[in-house]
């Protein structure tokens, strides 16, 4: 997809002792550009757009839980500040 990439939202380091590995994840704020094609899964099982209410941290790997909670709250704040008023002509 075509996207505008902004600031780092969060940096997470997580160890998976059972797998004897660790990951360093950098999460960036990004917005999809207007004429961008729809994203599709490449090295993951699936992807989809989700609302703030659909982002349940319990459904994500341990390394992602903190940022998912933060993104969820950020989306809720964005929705509050961009409410659309319904104008009807009679």
N, C-alpha and C. Protein backbone atom coordinates (compact mmCIF):
# COMPACT_ATOMS: atom_id res chain seq x y z
N UNK A 1 0.84 -1.18 0.00
CA UNK A 1 0.00 0.00 0.00
C UNK A 1 0.88 1.24 0.00
N UNK A 2 0.28 2.36 -0.29
CA UNK A 2 0.97 3.65 -0.21
C UNK A 2 0.53 4.31 1.09
N UNK A 3 1.51 4.75 1.88
CA UNK A 3 1.18 5.30 3.18
C UNK A 3 2.10 6.47 3.52
N UNK A 4 1.58 7.34 4.36
CA UNK A 4 2.39 8.41 4.96
C UNK A 4 2.77 7.91 6.35
N UNK A 5 4.07 7.80 6.59
CA UNK A 5 4.55 7.27 7.86
C UNK A 5 5.00 8.44 8.74
N UNK A 6 4.49 8.43 9.96
CA UNK A 6 4.79 9.51 10.89
C UNK A 6 5.74 9.11 11.99
N UNK A 7 5.49 9.61 13.17
CA UNK A 7 6.34 9.40 14.33
C UNK A 7 6.21 7.98 14.88
N UNK A 8 7.22 7.58 15.64
CA UNK A 8 7.14 6.30 16.36
C UNK A 8 6.11 6.46 17.48
N UNK A 9 5.19 5.52 17.56
CA UNK A 9 4.16 5.53 18.59
C UNK A 9 4.66 4.79 19.84
N UNK A 10 5.34 3.69 19.61
CA UNK A 10 5.83 2.90 20.74
C UNK A 10 6.97 2.00 20.29
N UNK A 11 7.87 1.71 21.22
CA UNK A 11 8.95 0.76 21.01
C UNK A 11 8.79 -0.32 22.06
N UNK A 12 8.79 -1.56 21.64
CA UNK A 12 8.59 -2.67 22.56
C UNK A 12 9.69 -3.71 22.37
N UNK A 13 10.25 -4.17 23.47
CA UNK A 13 11.18 -5.29 23.47
C UNK A 13 10.50 -6.40 24.25
N UNK A 14 10.42 -7.59 23.66
CA UNK A 14 9.74 -8.70 24.34
C UNK A 14 10.54 -9.98 24.14
N UNK A 15 10.72 -10.70 25.23
CA UNK A 15 11.40 -11.99 25.16
C UNK A 15 10.37 -13.12 25.21
N UNK A 16 10.58 -14.11 24.37
CA UNK A 16 9.78 -15.33 24.37
C UNK A 16 10.69 -16.46 24.88
N UNK A 17 10.72 -16.67 26.19
CA UNK A 17 11.66 -17.64 26.77
C UNK A 17 11.50 -19.06 26.20
N UNK A 18 10.26 -19.49 25.97
CA UNK A 18 10.04 -20.85 25.46
C UNK A 18 10.63 -21.04 24.06
N UNK A 19 10.63 -19.98 23.27
CA UNK A 19 11.16 -20.06 21.92
C UNK A 19 12.62 -19.63 21.85
N UNK A 20 13.15 -19.19 22.98
CA UNK A 20 14.53 -18.70 23.07
C UNK A 20 14.81 -17.63 22.02
N UNK A 21 13.89 -16.66 21.96
CA UNK A 21 14.09 -15.55 21.04
C UNK A 21 13.51 -14.28 21.65
N UNK A 22 13.91 -13.17 21.07
CA UNK A 22 13.41 -11.87 21.51
C UNK A 22 13.11 -11.04 20.28
N UNK A 23 12.20 -10.09 20.44
CA UNK A 23 11.85 -9.20 19.33
C UNK A 23 11.90 -7.76 19.80
N UNK A 24 12.33 -6.90 18.91
CA UNK A 24 12.30 -5.46 19.12
C UNK A 24 11.34 -4.92 18.07
N UNK A 25 10.23 -4.33 18.52
CA UNK A 25 9.19 -3.85 17.61
C UNK A 25 9.10 -2.34 17.69
N UNK A 26 9.08 -1.70 16.54
CA UNK A 26 8.88 -0.25 16.44
C UNK A 26 7.55 -0.03 15.75
N UNK A 27 6.63 0.64 16.44
CA UNK A 27 5.30 0.91 15.90
C UNK A 27 5.24 2.38 15.48
N UNK A 28 4.89 2.62 14.23
CA UNK A 28 4.82 3.96 13.68
C UNK A 28 3.37 4.36 13.43
N UNK A 29 3.08 5.65 13.57
CA UNK A 29 1.79 6.16 13.14
C UNK A 29 1.84 6.22 11.62
N UNK A 30 0.80 5.73 10.98
CA UNK A 30 0.76 5.74 9.51
C UNK A 30 -0.66 5.91 9.04
N UNK A 31 -0.82 6.60 7.92
CA UNK A 31 -2.13 6.75 7.30
C UNK A 31 -2.03 6.32 5.85
N UNK A 32 -3.03 5.62 5.39
CA UNK A 32 -3.06 5.15 4.01
C UNK A 32 -3.37 6.32 3.09
N UNK A 33 -2.64 6.42 2.00
CA UNK A 33 -2.86 7.51 1.05
C UNK A 33 -4.16 7.28 0.28
N UNK A 34 -4.73 8.37 -0.21
CA UNK A 34 -6.05 8.33 -0.86
C UNK A 34 -6.16 7.33 -2.00
N UNK A 35 -5.20 7.27 -2.88
CA UNK A 35 -5.31 6.38 -4.05
C UNK A 35 -4.55 5.06 -3.87
N UNK A 36 -4.32 4.68 -2.64
CA UNK A 36 -3.58 3.45 -2.36
C UNK A 36 -4.45 2.22 -2.58
N UNK A 37 -3.87 1.16 -3.11
CA UNK A 37 -4.64 -0.09 -3.21
C UNK A 37 -4.90 -0.66 -1.82
N UNK A 38 -5.86 -1.55 -1.71
CA UNK A 38 -6.15 -2.22 -0.44
C UNK A 38 -4.94 -3.08 -0.05
N UNK A 39 -4.62 -3.13 1.24
CA UNK A 39 -3.53 -4.00 1.67
C UNK A 39 -3.93 -5.47 1.56
N UNK A 40 -2.95 -6.34 1.46
CA UNK A 40 -3.22 -7.77 1.48
C UNK A 40 -2.13 -8.49 2.27
N UNK A 41 -2.48 -9.65 2.82
CA UNK A 41 -1.56 -10.41 3.66
C UNK A 41 -0.44 -10.99 2.82
N UNK A 42 0.80 -10.85 3.30
CA UNK A 42 1.94 -11.44 2.60
C UNK A 42 2.56 -12.54 3.46
N UNK A 43 3.11 -12.20 4.61
CA UNK A 43 3.73 -13.20 5.48
C UNK A 43 2.94 -13.44 6.76
N UNK A 44 1.65 -13.20 6.70
CA UNK A 44 0.76 -13.44 7.84
C UNK A 44 -0.49 -14.14 7.33
N UNK A 45 -1.24 -14.74 8.24
CA UNK A 45 -2.43 -15.49 7.83
C UNK A 45 -3.50 -14.59 7.24
N UNK A 46 -3.70 -13.42 7.86
CA UNK A 46 -4.77 -12.53 7.41
C UNK A 46 -4.57 -11.13 7.98
N UNK A 47 -5.20 -10.16 7.34
CA UNK A 47 -5.25 -8.80 7.86
C UNK A 47 -6.66 -8.27 7.64
N UNK A 48 -7.03 -7.25 8.42
CA UNK A 48 -8.31 -6.59 8.21
C UNK A 48 -8.31 -5.28 8.95
N UNK A 49 -9.17 -4.35 8.52
CA UNK A 49 -9.36 -3.09 9.21
C UNK A 49 -10.22 -3.38 10.43
N UNK A 50 -9.95 -2.70 11.53
CA UNK A 50 -10.70 -2.93 12.76
C UNK A 50 -11.00 -1.61 13.45
N UNK A 51 -12.14 -1.55 14.09
CA UNK A 51 -12.50 -0.37 14.88
C UNK A 51 -11.82 -0.48 16.24
N UNK A 52 -11.84 0.61 16.99
CA UNK A 52 -11.24 0.61 18.33
C UNK A 52 -11.87 -0.47 19.22
N UNK A 53 -13.17 -0.63 19.13
CA UNK A 53 -13.86 -1.62 19.97
C UNK A 53 -13.50 -3.06 19.61
N UNK A 54 -13.04 -3.27 18.38
CA UNK A 54 -12.67 -4.62 17.95
C UNK A 54 -11.23 -4.98 18.32
N UNK A 55 -10.46 -4.02 18.78
CA UNK A 55 -9.06 -4.29 19.14
C UNK A 55 -8.98 -4.81 20.57
N UNK A 56 -9.07 -6.10 20.72
CA UNK A 56 -9.02 -6.74 22.02
C UNK A 56 -7.58 -7.20 22.28
N UNK A 57 -6.88 -6.56 23.22
CA UNK A 57 -5.49 -6.93 23.47
C UNK A 57 -5.28 -8.43 23.73
N UNK A 58 -6.29 -9.10 24.28
CA UNK A 58 -6.17 -10.53 24.56
C UNK A 58 -6.02 -11.37 23.29
N UNK A 59 -6.37 -10.81 22.14
CA UNK A 59 -6.29 -11.54 20.87
C UNK A 59 -4.95 -11.36 20.16
N UNK A 60 -4.00 -10.66 20.79
CA UNK A 60 -2.72 -10.35 20.17
C UNK A 60 -1.58 -11.03 20.91
N UNK A 61 -0.44 -11.23 20.24
CA UNK A 61 0.72 -11.80 20.92
C UNK A 61 1.17 -10.90 22.07
N UNK A 62 1.83 -11.46 23.08
CA UNK A 62 2.25 -10.68 24.24
C UNK A 62 3.05 -9.43 23.90
N UNK A 63 3.87 -9.49 22.88
CA UNK A 63 4.70 -8.33 22.51
C UNK A 63 3.85 -7.16 22.01
N UNK A 64 2.64 -7.42 21.55
CA UNK A 64 1.79 -6.39 20.95
C UNK A 64 0.77 -5.78 21.92
N UNK A 65 0.58 -6.39 23.08
CA UNK A 65 -0.51 -5.99 23.98
C UNK A 65 -0.46 -4.52 24.37
N UNK A 66 0.70 -4.02 24.74
CA UNK A 66 0.81 -2.63 25.16
C UNK A 66 0.44 -1.65 24.07
N UNK A 67 0.94 -1.87 22.87
CA UNK A 67 0.66 -0.93 21.78
C UNK A 67 -0.78 -1.05 21.31
N UNK A 68 -1.35 -2.25 21.36
CA UNK A 68 -2.76 -2.41 20.95
C UNK A 68 -3.66 -1.59 21.88
N UNK A 69 -3.39 -1.64 23.17
CA UNK A 69 -4.19 -0.85 24.12
C UNK A 69 -4.03 0.64 23.84
N UNK A 70 -2.82 1.06 23.54
CA UNK A 70 -2.56 2.48 23.26
C UNK A 70 -3.24 2.93 21.96
N UNK A 71 -3.16 2.10 20.91
CA UNK A 71 -3.80 2.43 19.64
C UNK A 71 -5.32 2.47 19.82
N UNK A 72 -5.84 1.54 20.57
CA UNK A 72 -7.29 1.50 20.83
C UNK A 72 -7.76 2.82 21.45
N UNK A 73 -7.05 3.30 22.46
CA UNK A 73 -7.42 4.57 23.10
C UNK A 73 -7.26 5.74 22.15
N UNK A 74 -6.22 5.72 21.36
CA UNK A 74 -5.98 6.79 20.39
C UNK A 74 -7.11 6.85 19.35
N UNK A 75 -7.55 5.70 18.87
CA UNK A 75 -8.66 5.66 17.92
C UNK A 75 -9.95 6.18 18.54
N UNK A 76 -10.19 5.83 19.79
CA UNK A 76 -11.39 6.31 20.47
C UNK A 76 -11.36 7.84 20.58
N UNK A 77 -10.20 8.39 20.91
CA UNK A 77 -10.07 9.85 20.99
C UNK A 77 -10.29 10.49 19.63
N UNK A 78 -9.77 9.89 18.58
CA UNK A 78 -9.95 10.42 17.23
C UNK A 78 -11.42 10.42 16.84
N UNK A 79 -12.13 9.37 17.19
CA UNK A 79 -13.55 9.27 16.86
C UNK A 79 -14.34 10.36 17.58
N UNK A 80 -13.99 10.66 18.82
CA UNK A 80 -14.67 11.70 19.58
C UNK A 80 -14.46 13.08 18.95
N UNK A 81 -13.26 13.31 18.45
CA UNK A 81 -12.94 14.64 17.91
C UNK A 81 -13.38 14.82 16.46
N UNK A 82 -13.80 13.76 15.79
CA UNK A 82 -14.20 13.88 14.38
C UNK A 82 -15.64 13.44 14.15
N UNK A 83 -16.48 13.62 15.14
CA UNK A 83 -17.89 13.25 14.96
C UNK A 83 -18.51 14.10 13.86
N UNK A 84 -19.30 13.46 13.03
CA UNK A 84 -19.95 14.14 11.91
C UNK A 84 -21.38 14.48 12.29
N UNK A 85 -21.76 15.70 12.04
CA UNK A 85 -23.13 16.14 12.30
C UNK A 85 -23.99 15.83 11.09
N UNK A 86 -25.16 15.30 11.32
CA UNK A 86 -26.08 14.94 10.25
C UNK A 86 -26.96 16.16 9.93
N UNK A 87 -26.78 16.73 8.74
CA UNK A 87 -27.59 17.88 8.32
C UNK A 87 -28.68 17.38 7.39
N UNK A 88 -29.92 17.66 7.69
CA UNK A 88 -31.03 17.25 6.84
C UNK A 88 -31.80 18.46 6.42
N UNK A 89 -32.13 18.50 5.14
CA UNK A 89 -32.95 19.59 4.60
C UNK A 89 -34.39 19.15 4.57
N UNK A 90 -35.30 20.03 5.00
CA UNK A 90 -36.73 19.68 4.94
C UNK A 90 -37.44 20.52 3.94
